[in-house]
Amino acid sequence: MVDVGREEAAAVRLLGGPFPAGGLDSGDAGAWAAFDLEVRWDIRYGSAPSDGPDALGPDPVARAARALCHPDGRVREAALGEAVAHPVLLPLLVLRAADWVAPVRERARRLLTGVLDVRSAVALAPVVLRTGERERGTFAVGLLGAVLRQAPREEMLRVCAHPERAVRRFAVRLAVEEGRFSPAELARRAHADSDVVVQSVCADAALAALAHGDDPDGVLEPLLTARAPRVRAAGVTALRRAGLPRRAQDFLADRSALVRACARYVVRQDGRDPLVWYRERCAGPEVPPGAVIGLAECGQRGDTAVLEPLLGHAEPRVRARAVAGLRVLDAADTARLLPLLDDPAPGVVREVVAALLPSARSLPDGALTDRLAGHRPRATRVGAFRLLAARGDVVGLRTAVELLGDADDGLRERAERAVRRWRPTELGNPEMGALLEGVRHLFDEDAFARRRWMAGLPR
């Protein structure tokens, strides 16, 4: 048997016994493709006989299913009518409409055109779209589109909510082309859908309608309150077009960098300077975390004087954004940030590590190795190890080797990955040779020899 991945399991179950009344799930496109491949492989190379009256099994539906996947094109062509007689086999008719043998392919297409209606098109859509990725698979996709264009609006709405992402994308694009949704419906769909492609298609269509003078009330609010950043960003950008640029100020401190950038654009187009707003908010009694990083995104080097006091702010998210802001402004002072490896908030520690990584080789060994002690918070230990491992010197390798026996499972795994990926930044240190010998079991022979060569050590 050929291995075609996890979808193989459902197909293999059908090879040895009666075909279930419901067949495979018609939406499981991968399982049908796997079944097609498995039958052909089993007849050609496996134990199944290739001819004779009972060669394909006693069950009539199972026999038809296997015939539709037979290696011999004449057998496949003769079985096409059975796919129409047994609707459970229509997914195989879709596959045969992309068959590599022209007579099989042409007859399958004629039969598929005759039987495909809205209901069966919706059921077969996952198989059709999966088959559409094949060299000759575009016919069924075109037929699916033609049938869905004739579907009632309620049916189209149902397809646009299909659990299969590819089907949902196809249906939404089709519905937008056909003008099946109002601008407000498009905005609500962009707000609610979890797929980024559907979000973008619906948001763009809603904004295009807004540009033609539609009422913005039902369009902007779903966009501006969406969870997805790209949808909120589309709504913020549309505020200027809708004559509401003042509202963009409310999004200058958004949690998304994309939304903040769009808000700054609208504010500037309205003749105001977002930098003034950021400085005022960061110096005020209540500091939004998004305002801190927003200040760094459009600020100047002198704004470090505003950000540095926020390193001691009571709110962890503000401290974390202050560290990130100093990194953005290329003003991450190692002496000032190193003590923040002990911050109780893991998010702050992660930002400190990101800011210090470019300077890892210049950090004091003792300050980092002391923070690896078992009583230290886990975030501090992980942060210190990341900085040591990034050095590529003997201290980093020694640390990784020592942590291979640590009590923390996650830290042990990090240490093993660091040893396997270790790239030396110094040459000829004999201690490195001894350390590598101690972890030789982690490498194959060639990889071990390469590490020694990279470290300038004799093989």
Protein backbone atom coordinates (compact mmCIF):
# COMPACT_ATOMS: atom_id res chain seq x y z
CA MET A 1 0.00 0.00 0.00
CA VAL A 2 1.15 3.48 -0.76
CA ASP A 3 1.18 5.89 2.16
CA VAL A 4 -0.86 8.99 1.37
CA GLY A 5 -1.04 10.42 4.86
CA ARG A 6 -3.67 10.47 7.58
CA GLU A 7 -6.57 10.55 5.09
CA GLU A 8 -5.56 7.05 4.00
CA ALA A 9 -7.20 5.41 7.02
CA ALA A 10 -10.78 6.20 6.04
CA ALA A 11 -10.18 4.95 2.51
CA VAL A 12 -8.46 1.73 3.48
CA ARG A 13 -11.46 0.68 5.59
CA LEU A 14 -13.55 0.53 2.40
CA LEU A 15 -11.20 -1.75 0.50
CA GLY A 16 -11.91 -4.98 2.34
CA GLY A 17 -15.66 -4.99 3.01
CA PRO A 18 -19.12 -3.73 2.02
CA PHE A 19 -19.34 -0.09 1.08
CA PRO A 20 -21.21 1.73 3.91
CA ALA A 21 -24.61 3.13 3.03
CA GLY A 22 -23.34 6.63 3.59
CA GLY A 23 -19.98 5.99 1.95
CA LEU A 24 -17.23 8.30 3.00
CA ASP A 25 -18.13 11.75 4.23
CA SER A 26 -18.73 13.64 0.99
CA GLY A 27 -16.94 16.61 2.53
CA ASP A 28 -13.80 14.59 3.25
CA ALA A 29 -12.11 15.39 -0.05
CA GLY A 30 -8.80 13.93 1.00
CA ALA A 31 -10.33 10.57 1.91
CA TRP A 32 -11.97 10.20 -1.51
CA ALA A 33 -8.71 11.04 -3.27
CA ALA A 34 -6.95 8.51 -1.02
CA PHE A 35 -9.57 5.86 -1.78
CA ASP A 36 -9.08 6.40 -5.50
CA LEU A 37 -5.33 5.95 -5.14
CA GLU A 38 -5.59 3.00 -2.76
CA VAL A 39 -7.92 0.99 -5.01
CA ARG A 40 -5.70 1.52 -8.04
CA TRP A 41 -2.60 0.58 -6.08
CA ASP A 42 -4.25 -2.49 -4.52
CA ILE A 43 -5.44 -3.85 -7.86
CA ARG A 44 -2.20 -3.15 -9.67
CA TYR A 45 0.35 -4.10 -7.03
CA GLY A 46 -1.54 -5.56 -4.08
CA SER A 47 -3.37 -8.75 -3.37
CA ALA A 48 -6.68 -7.85 -5.04
CA PRO A 49 -7.44 -9.75 -8.30
CA SER A 50 -7.73 -7.53 -11.34
CA ASP A 51 -10.34 -9.47 -13.35
CA GLY A 52 -13.15 -11.98 -13.02
CA PRO A 53 -16.79 -11.51 -11.97
CA ASP A 54 -16.05 -11.21 -8.29
CA ALA A 55 -12.73 -9.41 -8.64
CA LEU A 56 -14.05 -6.20 -7.13
CA GLY A 57 -16.11 -7.73 -4.36
CA PRO A 58 -19.70 -9.01 -3.90
CA ASP A 59 -21.29 -5.79 -2.66
CA PRO A 60 -22.71 -3.90 -5.70
CA VAL A 61 -21.93 -0.39 -4.42
CA ALA A 62 -18.46 -1.41 -3.30
CA ARG A 63 -17.91 -3.07 -6.69
CA ALA A 64 -18.97 0.10 -8.49
CA ALA A 65 -16.78 2.26 -6.26
CA ARG A 66 -13.73 0.14 -6.95
CA ALA A 67 -14.50 -0.04 -10.65
CA LEU A 68 -14.60 3.74 -10.80
CA CYS A 69 -11.02 3.75 -9.49
CA HIS A 70 -9.73 0.82 -11.55
CA PRO A 71 -6.34 1.19 -13.27
CA ASP A 72 -7.95 0.24 -16.62
CA GLY A 73 -9.65 3.28 -18.17
CA ARG A 74 -12.22 1.07 -19.95
CA VAL A 75 -13.36 -0.30 -16.60
CA ARG A 76 -13.59 3.19 -15.14
CA GLU A 77 -15.60 4.44 -18.14
CA ALA A 78 -18.04 1.52 -18.02
CA ALA A 79 -18.68 2.18 -14.31
CA LEU A 80 -19.53 5.87 -14.66
CA GLY A 81 -23.27 5.22 -14.91
CA GLU A 82 -23.13 3.47 -11.55
CA ALA A 83 -22.02 6.73 -9.94
CA VAL A 84 -25.26 8.32 -11.12
CA ALA A 85 -27.30 5.31 -9.97
CA HIS A 86 -25.68 5.43 -6.51
CA PRO A 87 -25.46 9.09 -5.42
CA VAL A 88 -23.08 8.11 -2.63
CA LEU A 89 -20.49 7.64 -5.38
CA LEU A 90 -20.84 11.11 -6.91
CA PRO A 91 -17.52 12.24 -5.37
CA LEU A 92 -15.83 9.61 -7.55
CA LEU A 93 -17.65 11.01 -10.57
CA VAL A 94 -16.08 14.37 -9.73
CA LEU A 95 -12.65 12.74 -9.66
CA ARG A 96 -13.28 11.04 -12.99
CA ALA A 97 -14.24 14.43 -14.51
CA ALA A 98 -10.55 15.22 -14.09
CA ASP A 99 -9.41 11.80 -15.31
CA TRP A 100 -6.21 11.57 -17.39
CA VAL A 101 -7.99 9.44 -20.03
CA ALA A 102 -10.02 11.66 -22.37
CA PRO A 103 -13.03 9.32 -23.01
CA VAL A 104 -13.44 8.75 -19.27
CA ARG A 105 -13.10 12.43 -18.54
CA GLU A 106 -15.54 13.60 -21.21
CA ARG A 107 -18.29 11.15 -20.30
CA ALA A 108 -17.88 11.90 -16.59
CA ARG A 109 -18.26 15.61 -17.31
CA ARG A 110 -21.46 15.05 -19.28
CA LEU A 111 -22.93 12.94 -16.49
CA LEU A 112 -21.85 15.38 -13.79
CA THR A 113 -23.45 18.28 -15.66
CA GLY A 114 -26.70 16.36 -15.82
CA VAL A 115 -26.93 15.41 -12.15
CA LEU A 116 -25.42 18.39 -10.32
CA ASP A 117 -28.03 20.58 -8.64
CA VAL A 118 -27.73 23.05 -5.78
CA ARG A 119 -28.08 20.45 -3.05
CA SER A 120 -25.54 18.02 -4.51
CA ALA A 121 -23.21 20.89 -5.44
CA VAL A 122 -23.06 22.01 -1.82
CA ALA A 123 -22.39 18.45 -0.64
CA LEU A 124 -19.71 17.87 -3.26
CA ALA A 125 -18.05 21.28 -3.00
CA PRO A 126 -15.06 20.11 -0.89
CA VAL A 127 -14.26 17.33 -3.38
CA VAL A 128 -14.78 19.65 -6.35
CA LEU A 129 -12.43 22.30 -4.99
CA ARG A 130 -9.80 19.72 -4.00
CA THR A 131 -10.01 18.19 -7.50
CA GLY A 132 -9.76 21.69 -8.97
CA GLU A 133 -6.12 21.73 -7.91
CA ARG A 134 -5.40 18.99 -10.45
CA GLU A 135 -4.28 19.63 -14.01
CA ARG A 136 -7.71 18.85 -15.51
CA GLY A 137 -9.83 19.77 -12.50
CA THR A 138 -11.10 23.21 -13.47
CA PHE A 139 -14.22 21.93 -15.24
CA ALA A 140 -15.91 20.78 -12.05
CA VAL A 141 -15.01 24.05 -10.31
CA GLY A 142 -16.61 26.05 -13.12
CA LEU A 143 -19.68 23.85 -12.99
CA LEU A 144 -19.92 24.33 -9.22
CA GLY A 145 -19.80 28.10 -9.67
CA ALA A 146 -22.48 28.03 -12.36
CA VAL A 147 -24.83 25.97 -10.18
CA LEU A 148 -24.29 28.12 -7.07
CA ARG A 149 -25.00 31.28 -9.05
CA GLN A 150 -28.50 29.93 -9.60
CA ALA A 151 -28.98 29.04 -5.94
CA PRO A 152 -31.59 30.86 -3.82
CA ARG A 153 -30.19 33.47 -1.48
CA GLU A 154 -30.87 31.35 1.60
CA GLU A 155 -28.89 28.47 0.14
CA MET A 156 -26.03 30.79 -0.77
CA LEU A 157 -25.96 32.08 2.81
CA ARG A 158 -25.70 28.51 4.04
CA VAL A 159 -22.77 27.76 1.75
CA CYS A 160 -21.03 30.96 2.84
CA ALA A 161 -21.10 29.56 6.39
CA HIS A 162 -19.70 26.17 5.34
CA PRO A 163 -17.30 24.67 7.93
CA GLU A 164 -14.77 23.85 5.19
CA ARG A 165 -12.58 26.90 4.71
CA ALA A 166 -11.98 26.43 0.98
CA VAL A 167 -15.73 26.11 0.32
CA ARG A 168 -16.48 29.17 2.41
CA ARG A 169 -13.91 31.24 0.54
CA PHE A 170 -15.23 30.11 -2.84
CA ALA A 171 -18.83 30.82 -1.93
CA VAL A 172 -18.12 34.22 -0.38
CA ARG A 173 -16.14 35.37 -3.42
CA LEU A 174 -18.97 34.20 -5.65
CA ALA A 175 -21.61 35.92 -3.51
CA VAL A 176 -19.66 39.17 -3.57
CA GLU A 177 -19.32 39.01 -7.36
CA GLU A 178 -23.05 38.38 -7.64
CA GLY A 179 -23.94 41.20 -5.24
CA ARG A 180 -25.81 38.85 -2.90
CA PHE A 181 -24.92 40.80 0.27
CA SER A 182 -25.65 44.32 1.38
CA PRO A 183 -22.69 46.42 2.62
CA ALA A 184 -23.85 45.95 6.21
CA GLU A 185 -24.07 42.17 5.77
CA LEU A 186 -20.58 42.13 4.33
CA ALA A 187 -19.28 44.10 7.29
CA ARG A 188 -20.95 41.76 9.76
CA ARG A 189 -19.49 38.74 7.95
CA ALA A 190 -16.01 40.29 8.02
CA HIS A 191 -16.51 40.88 11.74
CA ALA A 192 -17.64 37.34 12.52
CA ASP A 193 -15.69 35.02 10.22
CA SER A 194 -12.49 33.43 11.51
CA ASP A 195 -10.80 33.08 8.12
CA VAL A 196 -8.50 35.91 7.07
CA VAL A 197 -9.34 35.57 3.38
CA VAL A 198 -13.08 35.82 4.01
CA GLN A 199 -12.44 38.77 6.33
CA SER A 200 -10.47 40.61 3.66
CA VAL A 201 -12.89 39.86 0.83
CA CYS A 202 -15.91 40.99 2.83
CA ALA A 203 -14.24 44.04 4.35
CA ASP A 204 -12.95 45.22 0.97
CA ALA A 205 -16.37 44.75 -0.62
CA ALA A 206 -18.08 46.59 2.23
CA LEU A 207 -15.69 49.53 1.91
CA ALA A 208 -16.10 49.59 -1.87
CA ALA A 209 -19.84 49.96 -1.35
CA LEU A 210 -19.17 52.69 1.19
CA ALA A 211 -17.16 54.58 -1.43
CA HIS A 212 -20.26 54.68 -3.61
CA GLY A 213 -22.18 56.63 -0.99
CA ASP A 214 -23.88 53.89 1.03
CA ASP A 215 -24.92 54.63 4.58
CA PRO A 216 -21.84 54.08 6.78
CA ASP A 217 -23.76 53.40 10.00
CA GLY A 218 -24.21 49.67 9.44
CA VAL A 219 -20.78 49.19 7.88
CA LEU A 220 -18.26 50.93 10.12
CA GLU A 221 -19.27 49.63 13.52
CA PRO A 222 -18.89 45.91 12.73
CA LEU A 223 -15.51 46.64 11.13
CA LEU A 224 -14.24 48.85 13.94
CA THR A 225 -15.24 46.37 16.64
CA ALA A 226 -13.93 43.24 14.89
CA ARG A 227 -11.44 41.01 16.64
CA ALA A 228 -9.30 40.61 13.52
CA PRO A 229 -6.73 43.44 13.16
CA ARG A 230 -6.98 43.63 9.36
CA VAL A 231 -10.75 44.16 9.61
CA ARG A 232 -10.38 46.90 12.24
CA ALA A 233 -7.67 48.50 10.11
CA ALA A 234 -10.02 48.57 7.12
CA GLY A 235 -12.68 50.26 9.23
CA VAL A 236 -10.22 52.84 10.58
CA THR A 237 -9.00 53.68 7.08
CA ALA A 238 -12.60 54.19 5.98
CA LEU A 239 -13.27 56.77 8.70
CA ARG A 240 -11.79 59.55 6.60
CA ARG A 241 -13.87 58.56 3.58
CA ALA A 242 -16.96 58.51 5.79
CA GLY A 243 -16.22 62.02 7.09
CA LEU A 244 -15.40 60.79 10.61
CA PRO A 245 -11.60 61.22 10.85
CA ARG A 246 -11.78 62.34 14.50
CA ARG A 247 -12.73 58.82 15.54
CA ALA A 248 -9.38 57.51 14.33
CA GLN A 249 -7.77 58.95 17.45
CA ASP A 250 -9.53 56.25 19.47
CA PHE A 251 -7.40 53.64 17.66
CA LEU A 252 -3.99 55.23 18.05
CA ALA A 253 -3.37 52.94 21.03
CA ASP A 254 -4.88 49.80 19.47
CA ARG A 255 -3.23 46.49 20.36
CA SER A 256 -2.42 45.90 16.68
CA ALA A 257 0.49 47.67 14.96
CA LEU A 258 -1.44 47.61 11.67
CA VAL A 259 -4.44 49.36 13.19
CA ARG A 260 -2.22 51.95 14.92
CA ALA A 261 -0.48 52.73 11.62
CA CYS A 262 -3.82 53.21 9.85
CA ALA A 263 -5.06 55.42 12.67
CA ARG A 264 -1.93 57.61 12.45
CA TYR A 265 -2.46 57.99 8.72
CA VAL A 266 -6.05 59.17 9.15
CA VAL A 267 -5.11 61.52 11.98
CA ARG A 268 -2.34 63.08 9.88
CA GLN A 269 -4.67 63.45 6.92
CA ASP A 270 -6.99 65.34 9.24
CA GLY A 271 -4.20 67.84 9.96
CA ARG A 272 -3.22 66.61 13.44
CA ASP A 273 0.03 65.17 14.75
CA PRO A 274 -0.35 61.76 16.44
CA LEU A 275 3.05 62.17 18.09
CA VAL A 276 1.70 64.93 20.31
CA TRP A 277 -1.16 62.67 21.41
CA TYR A 278 1.22 59.79 22.18
CA ARG A 279 3.51 61.97 24.28
CA GLU A 280 0.62 63.36 26.27
CA ARG A 281 -0.85 59.92 26.98
CA CYS A 282 2.49 58.40 27.97
CA ALA A 283 3.07 61.22 30.42
CA GLY A 284 -0.42 61.05 31.90
CA PRO A 285 -1.72 59.19 34.95
CA GLU A 286 -3.28 56.34 32.93
CA VAL A 287 -1.02 55.01 30.20
CA PRO A 288 -2.53 52.73 27.52
CA PRO A 289 0.02 50.04 26.60
CA GLY A 290 -0.65 50.64 22.90
CA ALA A 291 0.24 54.31 23.30
CA VAL A 292 3.69 53.36 24.62
CA ILE A 293 4.68 51.29 21.60
CA GLY A 294 2.84 53.72 19.31
CA LEU A 295 5.10 56.52 20.57
CA ALA A 296 8.16 54.47 19.62
CA GLU A 297 6.75 53.63 16.19
CA CYS A 298 6.50 57.28 15.16
CA GLY A 299 8.74 58.97 17.75
CA GLN A 300 12.31 60.20 17.85
CA ARG A 301 15.39 59.21 19.80
CA GLY A 302 14.61 61.94 22.32
CA ASP A 303 11.40 60.14 23.26
CA THR A 304 13.45 57.66 25.25
CA ALA A 305 13.15 60.18 28.07
CA VAL A 306 9.40 59.52 28.05
CA LEU A 307 9.73 55.73 27.78
CA GLU A 308 12.42 55.06 30.38
CA PRO A 309 10.32 56.08 33.43
CA LEU A 310 7.67 53.61 32.25
CA LEU A 311 10.08 50.70 32.85
CA GLY A 312 8.97 50.90 36.48
CA HIS A 313 5.26 51.30 35.80
CA ALA A 314 2.86 49.25 37.92
CA GLU A 315 1.12 47.74 34.87
CA PRO A 316 3.16 44.84 33.36
CA ARG A 317 1.91 45.49 29.84
CA VAL A 318 3.11 49.08 30.03
CA ARG A 319 6.55 47.92 31.21
CA ALA A 320 6.72 45.39 28.40
CA ARG A 321 5.76 47.98 25.77
CA ALA A 322 8.29 50.41 27.19
CA VAL A 323 11.06 47.84 26.71
CA ALA A 324 9.81 47.10 23.19
CA GLY A 325 9.66 50.83 22.47
CA LEU A 326 13.28 51.35 23.51
CA ARG A 327 14.26 48.51 21.19
CA VAL A 328 12.34 50.08 18.31
CA LEU A 329 14.12 53.39 18.91
CA ASP A 330 17.46 51.55 19.06
CA ALA A 331 17.94 52.87 22.59
CA ALA A 332 18.04 49.61 24.56
CA ASP A 333 20.65 50.29 27.24
CA THR A 334 21.93 46.92 28.48
CA ALA A 335 22.80 48.16 31.97
CA ARG A 336 19.27 49.53 32.38
CA LEU A 337 17.48 46.50 30.96
CA LEU A 338 19.50 43.62 32.41
CA PRO A 339 17.91 43.90 35.91
CA LEU A 340 14.49 43.56 34.28
CA LEU A 341 15.25 39.90 33.61
CA ASP A 342 13.99 39.52 37.19
CA ASP A 343 10.65 41.18 36.43
CA PRO A 344 7.75 39.09 37.80
CA ALA A 345 5.84 39.40 34.51
CA PRO A 346 6.97 36.85 31.85
CA GLY A 347 5.89 39.25 29.08
CA VAL A 348 8.34 41.85 30.31
CA VAL A 349 11.15 39.29 30.49
CA ARG A 350 10.47 38.18 26.91
CA GLU A 351 10.71 41.77 25.68
CA VAL A 352 13.93 42.29 27.64
CA VAL A 353 15.46 39.20 26.03
CA ALA A 354 14.44 40.40 22.56
CA ALA A 355 16.06 43.77 23.28
CA LEU A 356 19.28 42.26 24.66
CA LEU A 357 19.84 39.48 22.12
CA PRO A 358 21.86 41.68 19.71
CA SER A 359 24.22 42.47 22.62
CA ALA A 360 24.30 38.94 24.09
CA ARG A 361 28.05 38.49 23.65
CA SER A 362 28.82 41.64 25.63
CA LEU A 363 26.64 40.77 28.63
CA PRO A 364 28.43 39.68 31.83
CA ASP A 365 28.59 35.90 32.22
CA GLY A 366 27.92 35.93 35.95
CA ALA A 367 24.78 38.05 35.71
CA LEU A 368 23.28 35.49 33.35
CA THR A 369 24.51 32.23 34.90
CA ASP A 370 23.31 33.37 38.36
CA ARG A 371 19.81 33.65 36.93
CA LEU A 372 19.83 29.99 35.89
CA ALA A 373 19.60 28.83 39.53
CA GLY A 374 16.68 26.50 40.20
CA HIS A 375 14.96 28.84 42.65
CA ARG A 376 14.65 31.59 40.04
CA PRO A 377 11.31 32.14 38.23
CA ARG A 378 11.01 30.05 35.09
CA ALA A 379 10.73 33.08 32.78
CA THR A 380 13.98 34.46 34.21
CA ARG A 381 15.80 31.14 33.77
CA VAL A 382 14.57 30.74 30.18
CA GLY A 383 15.48 34.33 29.35
CA ALA A 384 19.00 34.01 30.78
CA PHE A 385 19.54 30.74 28.91
CA ARG A 386 18.39 32.23 25.60
CA LEU A 387 20.91 35.04 25.98
CA LEU A 388 23.72 32.63 26.89
CA ALA A 389 22.89 30.20 24.08
CA ALA A 390 22.89 33.04 21.52
CA ARG A 391 26.56 33.78 22.25
CA GLY A 392 27.96 30.74 20.50
CA ASP A 393 30.98 30.67 22.81
CA VAL A 394 32.16 28.08 25.29
CA VAL A 395 30.03 29.60 28.09
CA GLY A 396 26.87 29.15 26.03
CA LEU A 397 27.74 25.56 25.12
CA ARG A 398 28.70 24.73 28.71
CA THR A 399 25.39 26.14 29.95
CA ALA A 400 23.37 24.14 27.44
CA VAL A 401 25.19 20.91 28.33
CA GLU A 402 24.64 21.47 32.05
CA LEU A 403 20.92 22.10 31.55
CA LEU A 404 20.48 18.77 29.75
CA GLY A 405 19.92 17.32 33.21
CA ASP A 406 17.68 20.10 34.56
CA ALA A 407 14.47 19.25 36.41
CA ASP A 408 12.43 21.54 34.11
CA ASP A 409 11.28 19.53 31.08
CA GLY A 410 10.89 22.60 28.90
CA LEU A 411 14.33 23.93 29.76
CA ARG A 412 15.89 20.53 29.07
CA GLU A 413 14.28 20.49 25.62
CA ARG A 414 15.54 24.01 24.93
CA ALA A 415 19.01 22.98 26.01
CA GLU A 416 19.02 19.95 23.70
CA ARG A 417 17.87 22.04 20.75
CA ALA A 418 20.56 24.61 21.54
CA VAL A 419 23.26 21.93 21.56
CA ARG A 420 22.05 20.47 18.26
CA ARG A 421 21.94 23.92 16.62
CA TRP A 422 25.09 25.27 18.24
CA ARG A 423 27.27 27.36 15.95
CA PRO A 424 30.62 28.40 17.50
CA THR A 425 31.78 32.01 17.47
CA GLU A 426 35.25 31.18 18.76
CA LEU A 427 37.87 28.73 17.53
CA GLY A 428 40.27 26.24 19.04
CA ASN A 429 38.99 26.21 22.62
CA PRO A 430 39.82 22.74 24.01
CA GLU A 431 36.96 22.92 26.53
CA MET A 432 34.54 23.00 23.62
CA GLY A 433 36.03 19.75 22.39
CA ALA A 434 35.47 18.11 25.77
CA LEU A 435 31.91 19.41 25.97
CA LEU A 436 31.12 18.13 22.49
CA GLU A 437 32.48 14.71 23.34
CA GLY A 438 30.08 14.59 26.28
CA VAL A 439 27.07 15.13 24.00
CA ARG A 440 28.28 13.14 21.02
CA HIS A 441 25.14 10.98 21.21
CA LEU A 442 23.04 13.95 20.07
CA PHE A 443 24.71 14.08 16.64
CA ASP A 444 25.25 11.68 13.79
CA GLU A 445 28.85 11.14 12.70
CA ASP A 446 28.87 13.78 9.96
CA ALA A 447 27.16 16.44 12.10
CA PHE A 448 29.57 15.82 14.95
CA ALA A 449 32.57 16.15 12.64
CA ARG A 450 31.16 19.40 11.23
CA ARG A 451 30.75 20.88 14.71
CA ARG A 452 34.37 20.10 15.55
CA TRP A 453 35.54 21.55 12.26
CA MET A 454 33.47 24.72 12.78
CA ALA A 455 35.03 25.09 16.23
CA GLY A 456 38.55 24.78 14.82
CA LEU A 457 39.13 21.48 16.61
CA PRO A 458 40.96 18.50 15.16
CA ARG A 459 38.73 15.66 13.96
